[in-house]
C-alpha atoms as a PDB file:
ATOM      1  CA  MET A   1       0.003   0.000   0.000  1.00  0.00           C
ATOM      2  CA  LYS A   2       1.281   3.397  -0.874  1.00  0.00           C
ATOM      3  CA  THR A   3       1.718   5.969   1.834  1.00  0.00           C
ATOM      4  CA  ARG A   4      -0.212   9.067   1.182  1.00  0.00           C
ATOM      5  CA  GLN A   5       1.844  12.189   0.618  1.00  0.00           C
ATOM      6  CA  PRO A   6       0.993  14.933   3.102  1.00  0.00           C
ATOM      7  CA  THR A   7      -1.001  17.807   1.640  1.00  0.00           C
ATOM      8  CA  LEU A   8       0.036  21.408   1.767  1.00  0.00           C
ATOM      9  CA  LYS A   9      -3.389  22.551   2.909  1.00  0.00           C
ATOM     10  CA  ARG A  10      -2.447  23.054   6.553  1.00  0.00           C
ATOM     11  CA  PRO A  11       0.829  24.985   6.129  1.00  0.00           C
ATOM     12  CA  LEU A  12      -0.398  27.076   3.183  1.00  0.00           C
ATOM     13  CA  ILE A  13      -4.026  27.799   4.080  1.00  0.00           C
ATOM     14  CA  VAL A  14      -4.968  26.998   7.663  1.00  0.00           C
ATOM     15  CA  GLN A  15      -1.936  28.382   9.505  1.00  0.00           C
ATOM     16  CA  PRO A  16      -1.836  31.758   7.693  1.00  0.00           C
ATOM     17  CA  LEU A  17      -5.574  32.076   8.171  1.00  0.00           C
ATOM     18  CA  LEU A  18      -5.255  31.458  11.915  1.00  0.00           C
ATOM     19  CA  VAL A  19      -2.437  34.022  12.122  1.00  0.00           C
ATOM     20  CA  GLN A  20      -4.561  36.591  10.303  1.00  0.00           C
ATOM     21  CA  LEU A  21      -7.564  35.925  12.545  1.00  0.00           C
ATOM     22  CA  ALA A  22      -5.428  36.224  15.670  1.00  0.00           C
ATOM     23  CA  THR A  23      -3.900  39.457  14.412  1.00  0.00           C
ATOM     24  CA  LEU A  24      -7.339  40.862  13.619  1.00  0.00           C
ATOM     25  CA  ALA A  25      -8.661  39.911  17.056  1.00  0.00           C
ATOM     26  CA  ILE A  26      -5.689  41.445  18.852  1.00  0.00           C
ATOM     27  CA  GLY A  27      -5.915  44.613  16.747  1.00  0.00           C
ATOM     28  CA  PHE A  28      -9.642  44.927  17.425  1.00  0.00           C
ATOM     29  CA  ALA A  29      -9.075  44.501  21.168  1.00  0.00           C
ATOM     30  CA  VAL A  30      -6.309  47.115  21.226  1.00  0.00           C
ATOM     31  CA  LEU A  31      -8.382  49.586  19.171  1.00  0.00           C
ATOM     32  CA  THR A  32     -11.419  49.088  21.407  1.00  0.00           C
ATOM     33  CA  ALA A  33      -9.320  49.578  24.529  1.00  0.00           C
ATOM     34  CA  LEU A  34      -7.786  52.729  23.060  1.00  0.00           C
ATOM     35  CA  LEU A  35     -11.132  54.184  22.116  1.00  0.00           C
ATOM     36  CA  LEU A  36     -12.584  53.428  25.516  1.00  0.00           C
ATOM     37  CA  ARG A  37      -9.576  55.035  27.175  1.00  0.00           C
ATOM     38  CA  LEU A  38      -9.874  58.170  25.037  1.00  0.00           C
ATOM     39  CA  ASP A  39     -13.599  58.497  25.722  1.00  0.00           C
ATOM     40  CA  SER A  40     -13.484  58.011  29.487  1.00  0.00           C
ATOM     41  CA  GLY A  41     -14.210  61.130  31.464  1.00  0.00           C
ATOM     42  CA  GLY A  42     -15.248  64.506  30.134  1.00  0.00           C
ATOM     43  CA  ALA A  43     -18.159  66.821  30.764  1.00  0.00           C
ATOM     44  CA  ILE A  44     -20.800  64.549  29.253  1.00  0.00           C
ATOM     45  CA  THR A  45     -20.144  61.750  31.738  1.00  0.00           C
ATOM     46  CA  GLN A  46     -20.486  64.018  34.776  1.00  0.00           C
ATOM     47  CA  GLU A  47     -23.748  63.543  36.627  1.00  0.00           C
ATOM     48  CA  ASP A  48     -24.377  67.237  37.211  1.00  0.00           C
ATOM     49  CA  PHE A  49     -23.979  68.134  33.531  1.00  0.00           C
ATOM     50  CA  ALA A  50     -27.232  66.607  32.247  1.00  0.00           C
ATOM     51  CA  PRO A  51     -29.593  68.947  34.189  1.00  0.00           C
ATOM     52  CA  VAL A  52     -27.539  71.976  33.093  1.00  0.00           C
ATOM     53  CA  ALA A  53     -27.720  70.950  29.447  1.00  0.00           C
ATOM     54  CA  ALA A  54     -31.425  70.106  29.651  1.00  0.00           C
ATOM     55  CA  ALA A  55     -32.256  73.464  31.213  1.00  0.00           C
ATOM     56  CA  SER A  56     -30.423  75.281  28.409  1.00  0.00           C
ATOM     57  CA  VAL A  57     -32.236  73.624  25.521  1.00  0.00           C
ATOM     58  CA  VAL A  58     -35.389  75.470  24.393  1.00  0.00           C
ATOM     59  CA  ARG A  59     -37.436  75.887  21.219  1.00  0.00           C
ATOM     60  CA  ASP A  60     -37.267  79.077  19.194  1.00  0.00           C
ATOM     61  CA  ALA A  61     -40.194  80.750  17.401  1.00  0.00           C
ATOM     62  CA  ALA A  62     -39.858  78.359  14.438  1.00  0.00           C
ATOM     63  CA  GLY A  63     -39.980  75.322  16.730  1.00  0.00           C
ATOM     64  CA  ARG A  64     -36.318  74.387  16.306  1.00  0.00           C
ATOM     65  CA  LEU A  65     -34.225  73.342  19.280  1.00  0.00           C
ATOM     66  CA  VAL A  66     -31.664  75.947  20.303  1.00  0.00           C
ATOM     67  CA  ILE A  67     -29.339  76.378  23.237  1.00  0.00           C
ATOM     68  CA  ARG A  68     -30.123  79.340  25.469  1.00  0.00           C
ATOM     69  CA  PRO A  69     -27.069  80.487  27.400  1.00  0.00           C
ATOM     70  CA  THR A  70     -27.631  80.248  31.141  1.00  0.00           C
ATOM     71  CA  ASP A  71     -25.349  81.040  34.032  1.00  0.00           C
ATOM     72  CA  ALA A  72     -24.928  77.353  34.833  1.00  0.00           C
ATOM     73  CA  LEU A  73     -24.058  76.570  31.201  1.00  0.00           C
ATOM     74  CA  ARG A  74     -21.490  79.405  31.087  1.00  0.00           C
ATOM     75  CA  GLU A  75     -19.964  78.049  34.306  1.00  0.00           C
ATOM     76  CA  ALA A  76     -19.793  74.532  32.845  1.00  0.00           C
ATOM     77  CA  GLN A  77     -18.157  75.945  29.676  1.00  0.00           C
ATOM     78  CA  HIS A  78     -15.654  77.831  31.801  1.00  0.00           C
ATOM     79  CA  GLU A  79     -14.762  74.668  33.782  1.00  0.00           C
ATOM     80  CA  THR A  80     -14.464  72.569  30.594  1.00  0.00           C
ATOM     81  CA  PRO A  81     -13.029  74.711  27.786  1.00  0.00           C
ATOM     82  CA  SER A  82     -13.189  71.893  25.224  1.00  0.00           C
ATOM     83  CA  PHE A  83     -16.971  71.665  25.646  1.00  0.00           C
END
């Protein structure tokens, strides 16, 4: 009986595919961690910011939503210049 010659399927297809999938998974995890790290904190995540923002939003004569400057909003903008 002849011995069967090993195929090249595993070294040429399966192993590179597994390396690519592992690289993609690691890259996705790193990107997700980076985005979460960049987004943590800020004025929007503060508990006392939501009531200030809600009190500043009103409708104009045409019915569109606009932001009316209030003292609390000005104070929040002064504390967080990037806002």
